[in-house]
Amino acid sequence: QQLRLRLRTLSKTGNFTTLQMLLNTDSYSDYLIKYEIMKRIAEN
């Protein structure tokens, strides 16, 4: 349910796609940090 809620939240904010996350970052390194965080959350 927590996973579903997180996915639902991401869906509502539109921050769940890689493109959107890239467009919403100030730099590539910031993108990589966010991407890595999202990846680790998903893997975890």
PDB file of all heavy atoms in Angstrom:
ATOM      1  N   GLN A   1       0.830  -1.202   0.000  1.00  0.00           N
ATOM      2  CA  GLN A   1       0.000   0.000   0.000  1.00  0.00           C
ATOM      3  C   GLN A   1       0.872   1.262   0.000  1.00  0.00           C
ATOM      4  O   GLN A   1       0.536   2.256  -0.646  1.00  0.00           O
ATOM      5  CB  GLN A   1      -0.939   0.006   1.208  1.00  0.00           C
ATOM      6  CG  GLN A   1      -2.021  -1.075   1.155  1.00  0.00           C
ATOM      7  CD  GLN A   1      -2.930  -0.935  -0.056  1.00  0.00           C
ATOM      8  OE1 GLN A   1      -3.199   0.201  -0.559  1.00  0.00           O
ATOM      9  NE2 GLN A   1      -3.394  -2.074  -0.586  1.00  0.00           N
ATOM     10  N   GLN A   2       1.975   1.194   0.739  1.00  0.00           N
ATOM     11  CA  GLN A   2       2.907   2.326   0.751  1.00  0.00           C
ATOM     12  C   GLN A   2       3.480   2.555  -0.645  1.00  0.00           C
ATOM     13  O   GLN A   2       3.615   3.702  -1.104  1.00  0.00           O
ATOM     14  CB  GLN A   2       4.050   2.080   1.745  1.00  0.00           C
ATOM     15  CG  GLN A   2       3.619   2.135   3.194  1.00  0.00           C
ATOM     16  CD  GLN A   2       4.757   1.810   4.145  1.00  0.00           C
ATOM     17  OE1 GLN A   2       5.932   1.787   3.741  1.00  0.00           O
ATOM     18  NE2 GLN A   2       4.405   1.586   5.415  1.00  0.00           N
ATOM     19  N   LEU A   3       3.822   1.468  -1.310  1.00  0.00           N
ATOM     20  CA  LEU A   3       4.363   1.572  -2.661  1.00  0.00           C
ATOM     21  C   LEU A   3       3.321   2.148  -3.611  1.00  0.00           C
ATOM     22  O   LEU A   3       3.611   3.017  -4.435  1.00  0.00           O
ATOM     23  CB  LEU A   3       4.824   0.199  -3.134  1.00  0.00           C
ATOM     24  CG  LEU A   3       5.412   0.130  -4.549  1.00  0.00           C
ATOM     25  CD1 LEU A   3       6.647   1.047  -4.662  1.00  0.00           C
ATOM     26  CD2 LEU A   3       5.792  -1.293  -4.911  1.00  0.00           C
ATOM     27  N   ARG A   4       2.109   1.647  -3.466  1.00  0.00           N
ATOM     28  CA  ARG A   4       1.028   2.149  -4.309  1.00  0.00           C
ATOM     29  C   ARG A   4       0.816   3.645  -4.065  1.00  0.00           C
ATOM     30  O   ARG A   4       0.616   4.446  -4.997  1.00  0.00           O
ATOM     31  CB  ARG A   4      -0.259   1.395  -4.031  1.00  0.00           C
ATOM     32  CG  ARG A   4      -0.270  -0.023  -4.589  1.00  0.00           C
ATOM     33  CD  ARG A   4      -1.608  -0.674  -4.347  1.00  0.00           C
ATOM     34  NE  ARG A   4      -2.648   0.038  -5.072  1.00  0.00           N
ATOM     35  CZ  ARG A   4      -3.957  -0.202  -4.946  1.00  0.00           C
ATOM     36  NH1 ARG A   4      -4.375  -1.113  -4.073  1.00  0.00           N
ATOM     37  NH2 ARG A   4      -4.842   0.465  -5.658  1.00  0.00           N
ATOM     38  N   LEU A   5       0.876   4.036  -2.791  1.00  0.00           N
ATOM     39  CA  LEU A   5       0.670   5.447  -2.449  1.00  0.00           C
ATOM     40  C   LEU A   5       1.774   6.319  -3.047  1.00  0.00           C
ATOM     41  O   LEU A   5       1.523   7.412  -3.583  1.00  0.00           O
ATOM     42  CB  LEU A   5       0.644   5.613  -0.926  1.00  0.00           C
ATOM     43  CG  LEU A   5       0.452   7.039  -0.404  1.00  0.00           C
ATOM     44  CD1 LEU A   5      -0.895   7.617  -0.894  1.00  0.00           C
ATOM     45  CD2 LEU A   5       0.491   7.047   1.125  1.00  0.00           C
ATOM     46  N   ARG A   6       3.015   5.833  -2.982  1.00  0.00           N
ATOM     47  CA  ARG A   6       4.131   6.588  -3.523  1.00  0.00           C
ATOM     48  C   ARG A   6       3.993   6.724  -5.037  1.00  0.00           C
ATOM     49  O   ARG A   6       4.214   7.797  -5.612  1.00  0.00           O
ATOM     50  CB  ARG A   6       5.450   5.906  -3.159  1.00  0.00           C
ATOM     51  CG  ARG A   6       6.646   6.717  -3.612  1.00  0.00           C
ATOM     52  CD  ARG A   6       7.948   6.361  -2.876  1.00  0.00           C
ATOM     53  NE  ARG A   6       8.212   4.963  -2.796  1.00  0.00           N
ATOM     54  CZ  ARG A   6       8.135   4.242  -1.686  1.00  0.00           C
ATOM     55  NH1 ARG A   6       7.741   4.817  -0.561  1.00  0.00           N
ATOM     56  NH2 ARG A   6       8.413   2.962  -1.691  1.00  0.00           N
ATOM     57  N   LEU A   7       3.612   5.645  -5.672  1.00  0.00           N
ATOM     58  CA  LEU A   7       3.423   5.681  -7.117  1.00  0.00           C
ATOM     59  C   LEU A   7       2.270   6.610  -7.494  1.00  0.00           C
ATOM     60  O   LEU A   7       2.327   7.330  -8.489  1.00  0.00           O
ATOM     61  CB  LEU A   7       3.180   4.274  -7.664  1.00  0.00           C
ATOM     62  CG  LEU A   7       4.385   3.328  -7.624  1.00  0.00           C
ATOM     63  CD1 LEU A   7       3.965   1.925  -8.031  1.00  0.00           C
ATOM     64  CD2 LEU A   7       5.511   3.837  -8.519  1.00  0.00           C
ATOM     65  N   ARG A   8       1.223   6.557  -6.662  1.00  0.00           N
ATOM     66  CA  ARG A   8       0.078   7.418  -6.944  1.00  0.00           C
ATOM     67  C   ARG A   8       0.466   8.883  -6.779  1.00  0.00           C
ATOM     68  O   ARG A   8       0.066   9.757  -7.553  1.00  0.00           O
ATOM     69  CB  ARG A   8      -1.081   7.057  -6.004  1.00  0.00           C
ATOM     70  CG  ARG A   8      -2.383   7.774  -6.407  1.00  0.00           C
ATOM     71  CD  ARG A   8      -3.535   7.401  -5.485  1.00  0.00           C
ATOM     72  NE  ARG A   8      -3.848   5.989  -5.594  1.00  0.00           N
ATOM     73  CZ  ARG A   8      -3.670   5.124  -4.625  1.00  0.00           C
ATOM     74  NH1 ARG A   8      -3.161   5.505  -3.458  1.00  0.00           N
ATOM     75  NH2 ARG A   8      -3.979   3.853  -4.802  1.00  0.00           N
ATOM     76  N   THR A   9       1.280   9.165  -5.767  1.00  0.00           N
ATOM     77  CA  THR A   9       1.727  10.534  -5.531  1.00  0.00           C
ATOM     78  C   THR A   9       2.597  11.025  -6.692  1.00  0.00           C
ATOM     79  O   THR A   9       2.446  12.152  -7.186  1.00  0.00           O
ATOM     80  CB  THR A   9       2.524  10.614  -4.224  1.00  0.00           C
ATOM     81  OG1 THR A   9       1.696  10.156  -3.151  1.00  0.00           O
ATOM     82  CG2 THR A   9       2.980  12.040  -3.947  1.00  0.00           C
ATOM     83  N   LEU A  10       3.493  10.192  -7.098  1.00  0.00           N
ATOM     84  CA  LEU A  10       4.346  10.527  -8.224  1.00  0.00           C
ATOM     85  C   LEU A  10       3.536  10.759  -9.487  1.00  0.00           C
ATOM     86  O   LEU A  10       3.830  11.629 -10.308  1.00  0.00           O
ATOM     87  CB  LEU A  10       5.387   9.433  -8.468  1.00  0.00           C
ATOM     88  CG  LEU A  10       6.494   9.328  -7.403  1.00  0.00           C
ATOM     89  CD1 LEU A  10       7.352   8.094  -7.658  1.00  0.00           C
ATOM     90  CD2 LEU A  10       7.361  10.592  -7.410  1.00  0.00           C
ATOM     91  N   SER A  11       2.499   9.943  -9.611  1.00  0.00           N
ATOM     92  CA  SER A  11       1.650  10.059 -10.792  1.00  0.00           C
ATOM     93  C   SER A  11       0.924  11.406 -10.795  1.00  0.00           C
ATOM     94  O   SER A  11       0.807  12.081 -11.829  1.00  0.00           O
ATOM     95  CB  SER A  11       0.650   8.912 -10.827  1.00  0.00           C
ATOM     96  OG  SER A  11      -0.244   9.077 -11.908  1.00  0.00           O
ATOM     97  N   LYS A  12       0.486  11.810  -9.611  1.00  0.00           N
ATOM     98  CA  LYS A  12      -0.258  13.073  -9.521  1.00  0.00           C
ATOM     99  C   LYS A  12       0.658  14.273  -9.743  1.00  0.00           C
ATOM    100  O   LYS A  12       0.264  15.287 -10.316  1.00  0.00           O
ATOM    101  CB  LYS A  12      -0.924  13.183  -8.161  1.00  0.00           C
ATOM    102  CG  LYS A  12      -2.111  12.263  -8.005  1.00  0.00           C
ATOM    103  CD  LYS A  12      -2.733  12.430  -6.624  1.00  0.00           C
ATOM    104  CE  LYS A  12      -3.950  11.518  -6.460  1.00  0.00           C
ATOM    105  NZ  LYS A  12      -4.564  11.683  -5.133  1.00  0.00           N
ATOM    106  N   THR A  13       1.881  14.206  -9.235  1.00  0.00           N
ATOM    107  CA  THR A  13       2.809  15.331  -9.373  1.00  0.00           C
ATOM    108  C   THR A  13       3.526  15.328 -10.712  1.00  0.00           C
ATOM    109  O   THR A  13       4.186  16.295 -11.088  1.00  0.00           O
ATOM    110  CB  THR A  13       3.860  15.288  -8.262  1.00  0.00           C
ATOM    111  OG1 THR A  13       4.558  14.040  -8.314  1.00  0.00           O
ATOM    112  CG2 THR A  13       3.206  15.443  -6.902  1.00  0.00           C
ATOM    113  N   GLY A  14       3.423  14.169 -11.428  1.00  0.00           N
ATOM    114  CA  GLY A  14       4.068  14.050 -12.736  1.00  0.00           C
ATOM    115  C   GLY A  14       5.540  13.882 -12.655  1.00  0.00           C
ATOM    116  O   GLY A  14       6.259  14.216 -13.600  1.00  0.00           O
ATOM    117  N   ASN A  15       6.083  13.496 -11.528  1.00  0.00           N
ATOM    118  CA  ASN A  15       7.531  13.355 -11.336  1.00  0.00           C
ATOM    119  C   ASN A  15       8.000  11.908 -11.432  1.00  0.00           C
ATOM    120  O   ASN A  15       9.021  11.560 -10.884  1.00  0.00           O
ATOM    121  CB  ASN A  15       7.929  13.912  -9.965  1.00  0.00           C
ATOM    122  CG  ASN A  15       7.721  15.405  -9.875  1.00  0.00           C
ATOM    123  OD1 ASN A  15       7.901  16.104 -10.876  1.00  0.00           O
ATOM    124  ND2 ASN A  15       7.378  15.884  -8.689  1.00  0.00           N
ATOM    125  N   PHE A  16       7.269  11.118 -12.133  1.00  0.00           N
ATOM    126  CA  PHE A  16       7.646   9.711 -12.123  1.00  0.00           C
ATOM    127  C   PHE A  16       8.371   9.290 -13.384  1.00  0.00           C
ATOM    128  O   PHE A  16       8.838   8.175 -13.471  1.00  0.00           O
ATOM    129  CB  PHE A  16       6.399   8.833 -11.912  1.00  0.00           C
ATOM    130  CG  PHE A  16       5.425   8.911 -13.041  1.00  0.00           C
ATOM    131  CD1 PHE A  16       5.436   7.964 -14.054  1.00  0.00           C
ATOM    132  CD2 PHE A  16       4.510   9.968 -13.108  1.00  0.00           C
ATOM    133  CE1 PHE A  16       4.538   8.045 -15.084  1.00  0.00           C
ATOM    134  CE2 PHE A  16       3.614  10.032 -14.173  1.00  0.00           C
ATOM    135  CZ  PHE A  16       3.609   9.065 -15.156  1.00  0.00           C
ATOM    136  N   THR A  17       8.456  10.275 -14.436  1.00  0.00           N
ATOM    137  CA  THR A  17       9.164   9.864 -15.642  1.00  0.00           C
ATOM    138  C   THR A  17      10.572  10.423 -15.621  1.00  0.00           C
ATOM    139  O   THR A  17      10.862  11.455 -14.994  1.00  0.00           O
ATOM    140  CB  THR A  17       8.463  10.342 -16.919  1.00  0.00           C
ATOM    141  OG1 THR A  17       8.552  11.768 -16.976  1.00  0.00           O
ATOM    142  CG2 THR A  17       7.018   9.922 -16.952  1.00  0.00           C
ATOM    143  N   THR A  18      11.414   9.721 -16.284  1.00  0.00           N
ATOM    144  CA  THR A  18      12.829  10.148 -16.343  1.00  0.00           C
ATOM    145  C   THR A  18      12.955  11.513 -17.028  1.00  0.00           C
ATOM    146  O   THR A  18      13.735  12.387 -16.594  1.00  0.00           O
ATOM    147  CB  THR A  18      13.666   9.117 -17.107  1.00  0.00           C
ATOM    148  OG1 THR A  18      13.492   7.856 -16.477  1.00  0.00           O
ATOM    149  CG2 THR A  18      15.132   9.480 -17.121  1.00  0.00           C
ATOM    150  N   LEU A  19      12.164  11.729 -18.103  1.00  0.00           N
ATOM    151  CA  LEU A  19      12.221  12.991 -18.838  1.00  0.00           C
ATOM    152  C   LEU A  19      11.787  14.140 -17.954  1.00  0.00           C
ATOM    153  O   LEU A  19      12.438  15.199 -17.906  1.00  0.00           O
ATOM    154  CB  LEU A  19      11.336  12.906 -20.080  1.00  0.00           C
ATOM    155  CG  LEU A  19      11.276  14.197 -20.942  1.00  0.00           C
ATOM    156  CD1 LEU A  19      12.694  14.579 -21.451  1.00  0.00           C
ATOM    157  CD2 LEU A  19      10.317  13.999 -22.124  1.00  0.00           C
ATOM    158  N   GLN A  20      10.680  13.927 -17.263  1.00  0.00           N
ATOM    159  CA  GLN A  20      10.172  14.977 -16.402  1.00  0.00           C
ATOM    160  C   GLN A  20      11.181  15.280 -15.297  1.00  0.00           C
ATOM    161  O   GLN A  20      11.382  16.432 -14.916  1.00  0.00           O
ATOM    162  CB  GLN A  20       8.831  14.554 -15.786  1.00  0.00           C
ATOM    163  CG  GLN A  20       7.715  14.569 -16.807  1.00  0.00           C
ATOM    164  CD  GLN A  20       6.408  14.051 -16.211  1.00  0.00           C
ATOM    165  OE1 GLN A  20       6.447  13.282 -15.244  1.00  0.00           O
ATOM    166  NE2 GLN A  20       5.291  14.484 -16.794  1.00  0.00           N
ATOM    167  N   MET A  21      11.757  14.177 -14.723  1.00  0.00           N
ATOM    168  CA  MET A  21      12.741  14.386 -13.670  1.00  0.00           C
ATOM    169  C   MET A  21      13.951  15.151 -14.219  1.00  0.00           C
ATOM    170  O   MET A  21      14.514  16.031 -13.560  1.00  0.00           O
ATOM    171  CB  MET A  21      13.199  13.031 -13.112  1.00  0.00           C
ATOM    172  CG  MET A  21      14.117  13.172 -11.901  1.00  0.00           C
ATOM    173  SD  MET A  21      14.432  11.576 -11.136  1.00  0.00           S
ATOM    174  CE  MET A  21      15.200  10.713 -12.502  1.00  0.00           C
ATOM    175  N   LEU A  22      14.344  14.904 -15.494  1.00  0.00           N
ATOM    176  CA  LEU A  22      15.471  15.598 -16.109  1.00  0.00           C
ATOM    177  C   LEU A  22      15.147  17.077 -16.339  1.00  0.00           C
ATOM    178  O   LEU A  22      15.976  17.963 -16.103  1.00  0.00           O
ATOM    179  CB  LEU A  22      15.838  14.902 -17.432  1.00  0.00           C
ATOM    180  CG  LEU A  22      17.004  15.497 -18.224  1.00  0.00           C
ATOM    181  CD1 LEU A  22      18.300  15.445 -17.393  1.00  0.00           C
ATOM    182  CD2 LEU A  22      17.184  14.774 -19.550  1.00  0.00           C
ATOM    183  N   LEU A  23      13.921  17.330 -16.777  1.00  0.00           N
ATOM    184  CA  LEU A  23      13.513  18.697 -17.058  1.00  0.00           C
ATOM    185  C   LEU A  23      13.386  19.521 -15.788  1.00  0.00           C
ATOM    186  O   LEU A  23      13.493  20.742 -15.817  1.00  0.00           O
ATOM    187  CB  LEU A  23      12.189  18.711 -17.834  1.00  0.00           C
ATOM    188  CG  LEU A  23      12.256  18.143 -19.266  1.00  0.00           C
ATOM    189  CD1 LEU A  23      10.858  18.073 -19.872  1.00  0.00           C
ATOM    190  CD2 LEU A  23      13.181  19.002 -20.157  1.00  0.00           C
ATOM    191  N   ASN A  24      13.121  18.802 -14.658  1.00  0.00           N
ATOM    192  CA  ASN A  24      12.908  19.493 -13.391  1.00  0.00           C
ATOM    193  C   ASN A  24      14.200  19.659 -12.593  1.00  0.00           C
ATOM    194  O   ASN A  24      14.159  20.140 -11.460  1.00  0.00           O
ATOM    195  CB  ASN A  24      11.882  18.755 -12.530  1.00  0.00           C
ATOM    196  CG  ASN A  24      10.473  18.871 -13.119  1.00  0.00           C
ATOM    197  OD1 ASN A  24      10.142  19.885 -13.739  1.00  0.00           O
ATOM    198  ND2 ASN A  24       9.667  17.845 -12.909  1.00  0.00           N
ATOM    199  N   THR A  25      15.315  19.273 -13.141  1.00  0.00           N
ATOM    200  CA  THR A  25      16.586  19.412 -12.429  1.00  0.00           C
ATOM    201  C   THR A  25      17.361  20.589 -12.995  1.00  0.00           C
ATOM    202  O   THR A  25      17.212  20.945 -14.183  1.00  0.00           O
ATOM    203  CB  THR A  25      17.421  18.126 -12.569  1.00  0.00           C
ATOM    204  OG1 THR A  25      17.641  17.832 -13.938  1.00  0.00           O
ATOM    205  CG2 THR A  25      16.733  16.957 -11.886  1.00  0.00           C
ATOM    206  N   ASP A  26      18.201  21.137 -12.143  1.00  0.00           N
ATOM    207  CA  ASP A  26      18.991  22.299 -12.550  1.00  0.00           C
ATOM    208  C   ASP A  26      20.256  21.883 -13.285  1.00  0.00           C
ATOM    209  O   ASP A  26      20.833  22.672 -14.045  1.00  0.00           O
ATOM    210  CB  ASP A  26      19.364  23.136 -11.321  1.00  0.00           C
ATOM    211  CG  ASP A  26      18.129  23.739 -10.669  1.00  0.00           C
ATOM    212  OD1 ASP A  26      17.151  24.002 -11.394  1.00  0.00           O
ATOM    213  OD2 ASP A  26      18.137  23.904  -9.424  1.00  0.00           O
ATOM    214  N   SER A  27      20.718  20.665 -12.963  1.00  0.00           N
ATOM    215  CA  SER A  27      21.932  20.214 -13.628  1.00  0.00           C
ATOM    216  C   SER A  27      21.893  18.717 -13.811  1.00  0.00           C
ATOM    217  O   SER A  27      21.064  18.007 -13.219  1.00  0.00           O
ATOM    218  CB  SER A  27      23.160  20.597 -12.796  1.00  0.00           C
ATOM    219  OG  SER A  27      23.135  19.900 -11.561  1.00  0.00           O
ATOM    220  N   TYR A  28      22.779  18.271 -14.619  1.00  0.00           N
ATOM    221  CA  TYR A  28      22.838  16.816 -14.897  1.00  0.00           C
ATOM    222  C   TYR A  28      23.222  16.048 -13.641  1.00  0.00           C
ATOM    223  O   TYR A  28      22.702  14.968 -13.384  1.00  0.00           O
ATOM    224  CB  TYR A  28      23.829  16.544 -16.031  1.00  0.00           C
ATOM    225  CG  TYR A  28      23.919  15.084 -16.400  1.00  0.00           C
ATOM    226  CD1 TYR A  28      22.859  14.465 -17.060  1.00  0.00           C
ATOM    227  CD2 TYR A  28      25.063  14.343 -16.091  1.00  0.00           C
ATOM    228  CE1 TYR A  28      22.942  13.125 -17.381  1.00  0.00           C
ATOM    229  CE2 TYR A  28      25.141  13.011 -16.412  1.00  0.00           C
ATOM    230  CZ  TYR A  28      24.073  12.389 -17.068  1.00  0.00           C
ATOM    231  OH  TYR A  28      24.141  11.062 -17.389  1.00  0.00           O
ATOM    232  N   SER A  29      24.141  16.617 -12.895  1.00  0.00           N
ATOM    233  CA  SER A  29      24.553  15.938 -11.654  1.00  0.00           C
ATOM    234  C   SER A  29      23.389  15.857 -10.676  1.00  0.00           C
ATOM    235  O   SER A  29      23.216  14.841  -9.982  1.00  0.00           O
ATOM    236  CB  SER A  29      25.731  16.670 -11.020  1.00  0.00           C
ATOM    237  OG  SER A  29      25.373  18.017 -10.719  1.00  0.00           O
ATOM    238  N   ASP A  30      22.575  16.912 -10.663  1.00  0.00           N
ATOM    239  CA  ASP A  30      21.374  16.875  -9.816  1.00  0.00           C
ATOM    240  C   ASP A  30      20.420  15.796 -10.295  1.00  0.00           C
ATOM    241  O   ASP A  30      19.812  15.057  -9.505  1.00  0.00           O
ATOM    242  CB  ASP A  30      20.709  18.250  -9.844  1.00  0.00           C
ATOM    243  CG  ASP A  30      19.530  18.322  -8.877  1.00  0.00           C
ATOM    244  OD1 ASP A  30      19.599  17.636  -7.800  1.00  0.00           O
ATOM    245  OD2 ASP A  30      18.545  19.004  -9.174  1.00  0.00           O
ATOM    246  N   TYR A  31      20.326  15.674 -11.613  1.00  0.00           N
ATOM    247  CA  TYR A  31      19.482  14.615 -12.204  1.00  0.00           C
ATOM    248  C   TYR A  31      19.976  13.243 -11.796  1.00  0.00           C
ATOM    249  O   TYR A  31      19.203  12.363 -11.398  1.00  0.00           O
ATOM    250  CB  TYR A  31      19.466  14.766 -13.718  1.00  0.00           C
ATOM    251  CG  TYR A  31      18.971  13.542 -14.427  1.00  0.00           C
ATOM    252  CD1 TYR A  31      17.600  13.214 -14.452  1.00  0.00           C
ATOM    253  CD2 TYR A  31      19.871  12.678 -15.069  1.00  0.00           C
ATOM    254  CE1 TYR A  31      17.172  12.071 -15.085  1.00  0.00           C
ATOM    255  CE2 TYR A  31      19.434  11.531 -15.709  1.00  0.00           C
ATOM    256  CZ  TYR A  31      18.074  11.245 -15.702  1.00  0.00           C
ATOM    257  OH  TYR A  31      17.616  10.085 -16.338  1.00  0.00           O
ATOM    258  N   LEU A  32      21.298  13.063 -11.877  1.00  0.00           N
ATOM    259  CA  LEU A  32      21.858  11.748 -11.532  1.00  0.00           C
ATOM    260  C   LEU A  32      21.611  11.407 -10.054  1.00  0.00           C
ATOM    261  O   LEU A  32      21.323  10.256  -9.716  1.00  0.00           O
ATOM    262  CB  LEU A  32      23.375  11.722 -11.825  1.00  0.00           C
ATOM    263  CG  LEU A  32      23.780  11.767 -13.297  1.00  0.00           C
ATOM    264  CD1 LEU A  32      25.292  11.841 -13.416  1.00  0.00           C
ATOM    265  CD2 LEU A  32      23.227  10.557 -14.035  1.00  0.00           C
ATOM    266  N   ILE A  33      21.708  12.446  -9.237  1.00  0.00           N
ATOM    267  CA  ILE A  33      21.460  12.202  -7.812  1.00  0.00           C
ATOM    268  C   ILE A  33      20.011  11.789  -7.590  1.00  0.00           C
ATOM    269  O   ILE A  33      19.717  10.819  -6.891  1.00  0.00           O
ATOM    270  CB  ILE A  33      21.802  13.457  -6.998  1.00  0.00           C
ATOM    271  CG1 ILE A  33      23.307  13.716  -7.032  1.00  0.00           C
ATOM    272  CG2 ILE A  33      21.322  13.328  -5.548  1.00  0.00           C
ATOM    273  CD1 ILE A  33      23.713  15.066  -6.449  1.00  0.00           C
ATOM    274  N   LYS A  34      19.086  12.535  -8.212  1.00  0.00           N
ATOM    275  CA  LYS A  34      17.675  12.200  -8.066  1.00  0.00           C
ATOM    276  C   LYS A  34      17.370  10.814  -8.660  1.00  0.00           C
ATOM    277  O   LYS A  34      16.598  10.023  -8.100  1.00  0.00           O
ATOM    278  CB  LYS A  34      16.799  13.244  -8.749  1.00  0.00           C
ATOM    279  CG  LYS A  34      16.774  14.579  -8.004  1.00  0.00           C
ATOM    280  CD  LYS A  34      15.842  15.557  -8.698  1.00  0.00           C
ATOM    281  CE  LYS A  34      15.781  16.897  -7.939  1.00  0.00           C
ATOM    282  NZ  LYS A  34      14.882  17.877  -8.604  1.00  0.00           N
ATOM    283  N   TYR A  35      17.956  10.569  -9.808  1.00  0.00           N
ATOM    284  CA  TYR A  35      17.732   9.264 -10.468  1.00  0.00           C
ATOM    285  C   TYR A  35      18.232   8.112  -9.586  1.00  0.00           C
ATOM    286  O   TYR A  35      17.570   7.072  -9.409  1.00  0.00           O
ATOM    287  CB  TYR A  35      18.428   9.245 -11.817  1.00  0.00           C
ATOM    288  CG  TYR A  35      18.263   7.916 -12.542  1.00  0.00           C
ATOM    289  CD1 TYR A  35      17.091   7.630 -13.241  1.00  0.00           C
ATOM    290  CD2 TYR A  35      19.301   6.973 -12.542  1.00  0.00           C
ATOM    291  CE1 TYR A  35      16.946   6.427 -13.886  1.00  0.00           C
ATOM    292  CE2 TYR A  35      19.156   5.778 -13.187  1.00  0.00           C
ATOM    293  CZ  TYR A  35      17.970   5.507 -13.867  1.00  0.00           C
ATOM    294  OH  TYR A  35      17.822   4.306 -14.517  1.00  0.00           O
ATOM    295  N   GLU A  36      19.397   8.321  -9.007  1.00  0.00           N
ATOM    296  CA  GLU A  36      19.977   7.272  -8.157  1.00  0.00           C
ATOM    297  C   GLU A  36      19.102   7.054  -6.918  1.00  0.00           C
ATOM    298  O   GLU A  36      18.890   5.919  -6.488  1.00  0.00           O
ATOM    299  CB  GLU A  36      21.396   7.668  -7.738  1.00  0.00           C
ATOM    300  CG  GLU A  36      22.140   6.592  -6.975  1.00  0.00           C
ATOM    301  CD  GLU A  36      22.409   5.360  -7.805  1.00  0.00           C
ATOM    302  OE1 GLU A  36      22.485   5.439  -9.055  1.00  0.00           O
ATOM    303  OE2 GLU A  36      22.515   4.242  -7.209  1.00  0.00           O
ATOM    304  N   ILE A  37      18.613   8.179  -6.383  1.00  0.00           N
ATOM    305  CA  ILE A  37      17.730   8.064  -5.208  1.00  0.00           C
ATOM    306  C   ILE A  37      16.468   7.293  -5.568  1.00  0.00           C
ATOM    307  O   ILE A  37      16.049   6.385  -4.849  1.00  0.00           O
ATOM    308  CB  ILE A  37      17.390   9.470  -4.675  1.00  0.00           C
ATOM    309  CG1 ILE A  37      18.639  10.115  -4.063  1.00  0.00           C
ATOM    310  CG2 ILE A  37      16.268   9.389  -3.621  1.00  0.00           C
ATOM    311  CD1 ILE A  37      18.451  11.586  -3.682  1.00  0.00           C
ATOM    312  N   MET A  38      15.854   7.650  -6.699  1.00  0.00           N
ATOM    313  CA  MET A  38      14.637   6.963  -7.125  1.00  0.00           C
ATOM    314  C   MET A  38      14.916   5.487  -7.404  1.00  0.00           C
ATOM    315  O   MET A  38      14.113   4.606  -7.083  1.00  0.00           O
ATOM    316  CB  MET A  38      14.087   7.649  -8.392  1.00  0.00           C
ATOM    317  CG  MET A  38      13.557   9.052  -8.125  1.00  0.00           C
ATOM    318  SD  MET A  38      12.144   9.056  -6.983  1.00  0.00           S
ATOM    319  CE  MET A  38      10.953   8.166  -7.960  1.00  0.00           C
ATOM    320  N   LYS A  39      16.059   5.228  -7.994  1.00  0.00           N
ATOM    321  CA  LYS A  39      16.428   3.837  -8.319  1.00  0.00           C
ATOM    322  C   LYS A  39      16.587   3.016  -7.043  1.00  0.00           C
ATOM    323  O   LYS A  39      16.107   1.880  -6.934  1.00  0.00           O
ATOM    324  CB  LYS A  39      17.713   3.831  -9.138  1.00  0.00           C
ATOM    325  CG  LYS A  39      18.185   2.443  -9.532  1.00  0.00           C
ATOM    326  CD  LYS A  39      19.499   2.519 -10.323  1.00  0.00           C
ATOM    327  CE  LYS A  39      20.007   1.135 -10.653  1.00  0.00           C
ATOM    328  NZ  LYS A  39      21.305   1.176 -11.361  1.00  0.00           N
ATOM    329  N   ARG A  40      17.291   3.636  -6.064  1.00  0.00           N
ATOM    330  CA  ARG A  40      17.515   2.910  -4.809  1.00  0.00           C
ATOM    331  C   ARG A  40      16.201   2.676  -4.050  1.00  0.00           C
ATOM    332  O   ARG A  40      16.009   1.640  -3.435  1.00  0.00           O
ATOM    333  CB  ARG A  40      18.489   3.680  -3.941  1.00  0.00           C
ATOM    334  CG  ARG A  40      19.916   3.632  -4.480  1.00  0.00           C
ATOM    335  CD  ARG A  40      20.859   4.353  -3.546  1.00  0.00           C
ATOM    336  NE  ARG A  40      22.237   4.298  -4.055  1.00  0.00           N
ATOM    337  CZ  ARG A  40      23.269   4.832  -3.437  1.00  0.00           C
ATOM    338  NH1 ARG A  40      23.091   5.460  -2.269  1.00  0.00           N
ATOM    339  NH2 ARG A  40      24.487   4.748  -3.968  1.00  0.00           N
ATOM    340  N   ILE A  41      15.350   3.706  -4.128  1.00  0.00           N
ATOM    341  CA  ILE A  41      14.028   3.530  -3.471  1.00  0.00           C
ATOM    342  C   ILE A  41      13.284   2.371  -4.112  1.00  0.00           C
ATOM    343  O   ILE A  41      12.706   1.505  -3.430  1.00  0.00           O
ATOM    344  CB  ILE A  41      13.205   4.840  -3.560  1.00  0.00           C
ATOM    345  CG1 ILE A  41      13.830   5.915  -2.666  1.00  0.00           C
ATOM    346  CG2 ILE A  41      11.772   4.589  -3.148  1.00  0.00           C
ATOM    347  CD1 ILE A  41      13.197   7.292  -2.823  1.00  0.00           C
ATOM    348  N   ALA A  42      13.308   2.317  -5.455  1.00  0.00           N
ATOM    349  CA  ALA A  42      12.601   1.250  -6.171  1.00  0.00           C
ATOM    350  C   ALA A  42      13.208  -0.120  -5.851  1.00  0.00           C
ATOM    351  O   ALA A  42      12.503  -1.110  -5.605  1.00  0.00           O
ATOM    352  CB  ALA A  42      12.639   1.508  -7.674  1.00  0.00           C
ATOM    353  N   GLU A  43      14.557  -0.134  -5.868  1.00  0.00           N
ATOM    354  CA  GLU A  43      15.242  -1.407  -5.563  1.00  0.00           C
ATOM    355  C   GLU A  43      14.973  -1.844  -4.124  1.00  0.00           C
ATOM    356  O   GLU A  43      14.767  -3.023  -3.845  1.00  0.00           O
ATOM    357  CB  GLU A  43      16.743  -1.245  -5.800  1.00  0.00           C
ATOM    358  CG  GLU A  43      17.121  -1.155  -7.267  1.00  0.00           C
ATOM    359  CD  GLU A  43      18.619  -0.891  -7.456  1.00  0.00           C
ATOM    360  OE1 GLU A  43      19.299  -0.628  -6.429  1.00  0.00           O
ATOM    361  OE2 GLU A  43      19.089  -1.007  -8.587  1.00  0.00           O
ATOM    362  N   ASN A  44      14.992  -0.897  -3.244  1.00  0.00           N
ATOM    363  CA  ASN A  44      14.746  -1.206  -1.834  1.00  0.00           C
ATOM    364  C   ASN A  44      13.325  -1.721  -1.629  1.00  0.00           C
ATOM    365  O   ASN A  44      13.088  -2.682  -0.886  1.00  0.00           O
ATOM    366  CB  ASN A  44      15.000   0.032  -0.984  1.00  0.00           C
ATOM    367  CG  ASN A  44      14.923  -0.281   0.498  1.00  0.00           C
ATOM    368  OD1 ASN A  44      15.708  -1.078   1.002  1.00  0.00           O
ATOM    369  ND2 ASN A  44      13.970   0.331   1.188  1.00  0.00           N
TER     370      ASN A  44
END
